[in-house]
Each structure stands twice: as C-alpha cells, then as structure tokens.
Amino acid sequence: MATMERALNEWVALYARCYGYDIETEFTVREVAEMVLKTYDLRDTVQLLTRIPDPKAERVR
C-alpha cells in the first residue's frame, strides 16, 4: 500500500508540474479513490484535490 501511495503522489506531483506548479503531495489512496467514485474521472479528481488548473478556467477536451 505504501508503494501505491508513493506512486500516486508522485503522479499527482507530475500532473501539477505539467501546469507549472511544484507542490508537495500527501494524498492517501483512499482519499483519491473516494473522490474518483464521486467524479468518475481521475483528471477531475486530481484537479479538485490540487486546485490545478484553476477550476474556473475552461477545460478543453
């Protein structure tokens, strides 16, 4: 579980770097999984947890 959590947090940090942010991440697998169950979308989940990019910005799919 610790390895999965570390990988998850490294991925979230890389996601943030793609938007020009350098953040420290300490999310649990459970926390992310519960949000995914609500949003049905991993990208939306990470955006809600990190606030990156700004939720008010338009998203292009």
N, C-alpha and C. Protein backbone atom coordinates (compact mmCIF):
# COMPACT_ATOMS: atom_id res chain seq x y z
N MET A 1 0.82 -1.18 0.00
CA MET A 1 0.00 0.00 0.00
C MET A 1 0.88 1.26 0.00
N ALA A 2 1.95 1.22 0.75
CA ALA A 2 2.85 2.38 0.80
C ALA A 2 3.44 2.68 -0.57
N THR A 3 3.78 1.63 -1.32
CA THR A 3 4.34 1.82 -2.66
C THR A 3 3.29 2.43 -3.59
N MET A 4 2.06 1.98 -3.47
CA MET A 4 0.99 2.52 -4.30
C MET A 4 0.73 4.00 -3.96
N GLU A 5 0.75 4.31 -2.69
CA GLU A 5 0.54 5.69 -2.26
C GLU A 5 1.66 6.60 -2.73
N ARG A 6 2.89 6.12 -2.65
CA ARG A 6 4.03 6.90 -3.12
C ARG A 6 3.93 7.15 -4.62
N ALA A 7 3.57 6.11 -5.39
CA ALA A 7 3.41 6.26 -6.83
C ALA A 7 2.29 7.24 -7.17
N LEU A 8 1.18 7.16 -6.45
CA LEU A 8 0.06 8.05 -6.66
C LEU A 8 0.48 9.50 -6.42
N ASN A 9 1.17 9.75 -5.33
CA ASN A 9 1.60 11.11 -5.00
C ASN A 9 2.64 11.63 -5.97
N GLU A 10 3.51 10.77 -6.46
CA GLU A 10 4.48 11.18 -7.47
C GLU A 10 3.76 11.56 -8.76
N TRP A 11 2.73 10.79 -9.12
CA TRP A 11 1.96 11.09 -10.33
C TRP A 11 1.23 12.42 -10.19
N VAL A 12 0.64 12.67 -9.03
CA VAL A 12 -0.07 13.93 -8.80
C VAL A 12 0.92 15.10 -8.87
N ALA A 13 2.11 14.93 -8.32
CA ALA A 13 3.13 15.98 -8.39
C ALA A 13 3.54 16.24 -9.84
N LEU A 14 3.67 15.19 -10.63
CA LEU A 14 3.99 15.35 -12.06
C LEU A 14 2.86 16.06 -12.80
N TYR A 15 1.64 15.72 -12.47
CA TYR A 15 0.47 16.39 -13.04
C TYR A 15 0.57 17.90 -12.79
N ALA A 16 0.87 18.27 -11.55
CA ALA A 16 0.98 19.68 -11.20
C ALA A 16 2.12 20.36 -11.96
N ARG A 17 3.24 19.66 -12.11
CA ARG A 17 4.37 20.22 -12.84
C ARG A 17 4.02 20.51 -14.29
N CYS A 18 3.14 19.70 -14.87
CA CYS A 18 2.70 19.95 -16.25
C CYS A 18 2.01 21.30 -16.37
N TYR A 19 1.47 21.80 -15.29
CA TYR A 19 0.81 23.11 -15.27
C TYR A 19 1.71 24.19 -14.67
N GLY A 20 2.98 23.86 -14.43
CA GLY A 20 3.93 24.84 -13.93
C GLY A 20 3.97 25.02 -12.42
N TYR A 21 3.42 24.06 -11.68
CA TYR A 21 3.41 24.14 -10.22
C TYR A 21 4.31 23.06 -9.64
N ASP A 22 4.99 23.40 -8.55
CA ASP A 22 5.80 22.43 -7.81
C ASP A 22 5.15 22.29 -6.44
N ILE A 23 4.45 21.18 -6.24
CA ILE A 23 3.70 21.01 -4.99
C ILE A 23 4.16 19.76 -4.25
N GLU A 24 3.95 19.78 -2.95
CA GLU A 24 4.17 18.61 -2.11
C GLU A 24 2.83 17.88 -2.02
N THR A 25 2.83 16.59 -2.23
CA THR A 25 1.58 15.83 -2.19
C THR A 25 1.61 14.80 -1.07
N GLU A 26 0.50 14.68 -0.39
CA GLU A 26 0.36 13.71 0.70
C GLU A 26 -1.05 13.13 0.69
N PHE A 27 -1.51 12.72 -0.48
CA PHE A 27 -2.85 12.14 -0.59
C PHE A 27 -2.79 10.65 -0.28
N THR A 28 -3.86 10.16 0.31
CA THR A 28 -3.95 8.72 0.55
C THR A 28 -4.68 8.07 -0.63
N VAL A 29 -4.45 6.80 -0.81
CA VAL A 29 -5.14 6.06 -1.87
C VAL A 29 -6.64 6.12 -1.61
N ARG A 30 -7.04 5.98 -0.38
CA ARG A 30 -8.46 6.02 -0.04
C ARG A 30 -9.09 7.37 -0.39
N GLU A 31 -8.40 8.44 -0.06
CA GLU A 31 -8.90 9.79 -0.34
C GLU A 31 -9.14 9.98 -1.85
N VAL A 32 -8.19 9.55 -2.64
CA VAL A 32 -8.31 9.69 -4.09
C VAL A 32 -9.40 8.75 -4.62
N ALA A 33 -9.43 7.53 -4.12
CA ALA A 33 -10.43 6.56 -4.59
C ALA A 33 -11.85 7.04 -4.29
N GLU A 34 -12.07 7.61 -3.12
CA GLU A 34 -13.40 8.12 -2.78
C GLU A 34 -13.82 9.24 -3.71
N MET A 35 -12.87 10.11 -4.09
CA MET A 35 -13.18 11.21 -4.99
C MET A 35 -13.45 10.69 -6.41
N VAL A 36 -12.71 9.67 -6.83
CA VAL A 36 -12.94 9.07 -8.15
C VAL A 36 -14.34 8.48 -8.21
N LEU A 37 -14.80 7.87 -7.13
CA LEU A 37 -16.15 7.33 -7.10
C LEU A 37 -17.22 8.42 -7.26
N LYS A 38 -16.90 9.62 -6.82
CA LYS A 38 -17.84 10.74 -6.96
C LYS A 38 -17.79 11.37 -8.35
N THR A 39 -16.58 11.45 -8.93
CA THR A 39 -16.42 12.16 -10.20
C THR A 39 -16.39 11.24 -11.42
N TYR A 40 -16.04 9.98 -11.21
CA TYR A 40 -15.87 9.01 -12.30
C TYR A 40 -14.78 9.43 -13.29
N ASP A 41 -13.84 10.29 -12.85
CA ASP A 41 -12.81 10.80 -13.75
C ASP A 41 -11.56 11.12 -12.92
N LEU A 42 -10.44 10.51 -13.24
CA LEU A 42 -9.21 10.72 -12.48
C LEU A 42 -8.70 12.14 -12.64
N ARG A 43 -8.78 12.69 -13.84
CA ARG A 43 -8.30 14.05 -14.06
C ARG A 43 -9.13 15.05 -13.24
N ASP A 44 -10.44 14.88 -13.25
CA ASP A 44 -11.30 15.76 -12.45
C ASP A 44 -10.96 15.62 -10.96
N THR A 45 -10.71 14.41 -10.53
CA THR A 45 -10.35 14.17 -9.13
C THR A 45 -9.09 14.92 -8.75
N VAL A 46 -8.06 14.80 -9.57
CA VAL A 46 -6.79 15.47 -9.25
C VAL A 46 -6.95 16.98 -9.29
N GLN A 47 -7.75 17.47 -10.23
CA GLN A 47 -8.00 18.91 -10.28
C GLN A 47 -8.70 19.38 -9.00
N LEU A 48 -9.67 18.65 -8.54
CA LEU A 48 -10.38 19.03 -7.32
C LEU A 48 -9.47 18.97 -6.09
N LEU A 49 -8.61 17.98 -6.03
CA LEU A 49 -7.72 17.83 -4.87
C LEU A 49 -6.60 18.87 -4.86
N THR A 50 -6.09 19.23 -6.04
CA THR A 50 -4.94 20.13 -6.11
C THR A 50 -5.32 21.57 -6.44
N ARG A 51 -6.53 21.74 -7.00
CA ARG A 51 -6.99 23.05 -7.50
C ARG A 51 -6.13 23.52 -8.66
N ILE A 52 -5.54 22.57 -9.40
CA ILE A 52 -4.70 22.85 -10.57
C ILE A 52 -5.28 22.09 -11.75
N PRO A 53 -5.57 22.69 -12.86
CA PRO A 53 -5.60 24.15 -13.05
C PRO A 53 -6.80 24.74 -12.32
N ASP A 54 -6.85 26.04 -12.30
CA ASP A 54 -7.94 26.75 -11.64
C ASP A 54 -9.27 26.21 -12.12
N PRO A 55 -10.14 25.79 -11.20
CA PRO A 55 -11.43 25.22 -11.60
C PRO A 55 -12.29 26.18 -12.42
N LYS A 56 -12.04 27.48 -12.32
CA LYS A 56 -12.81 28.45 -13.07
C LYS A 56 -12.36 28.55 -14.51
N ALA A 57 -11.17 28.01 -14.81
CA ALA A 57 -10.67 28.03 -16.18
C ALA A 57 -11.45 27.02 -17.01
N GLU A 58 -11.66 27.33 -18.28
CA GLU A 58 -12.39 26.41 -19.14
C GLU A 58 -11.52 25.22 -19.48
N ARG A 59 -12.13 24.05 -19.49
CA ARG A 59 -11.42 22.81 -19.82
C ARG A 59 -11.74 22.42 -21.25
N VAL A 60 -10.72 22.13 -22.01
CA VAL A 60 -10.89 21.70 -23.39
C VAL A 60 -10.63 20.21 -23.46
N ARG A 61 -11.57 19.49 -24.04
CA ARG A 61 -11.39 18.04 -24.17
C ARG A 61 -11.01 17.70 -25.57
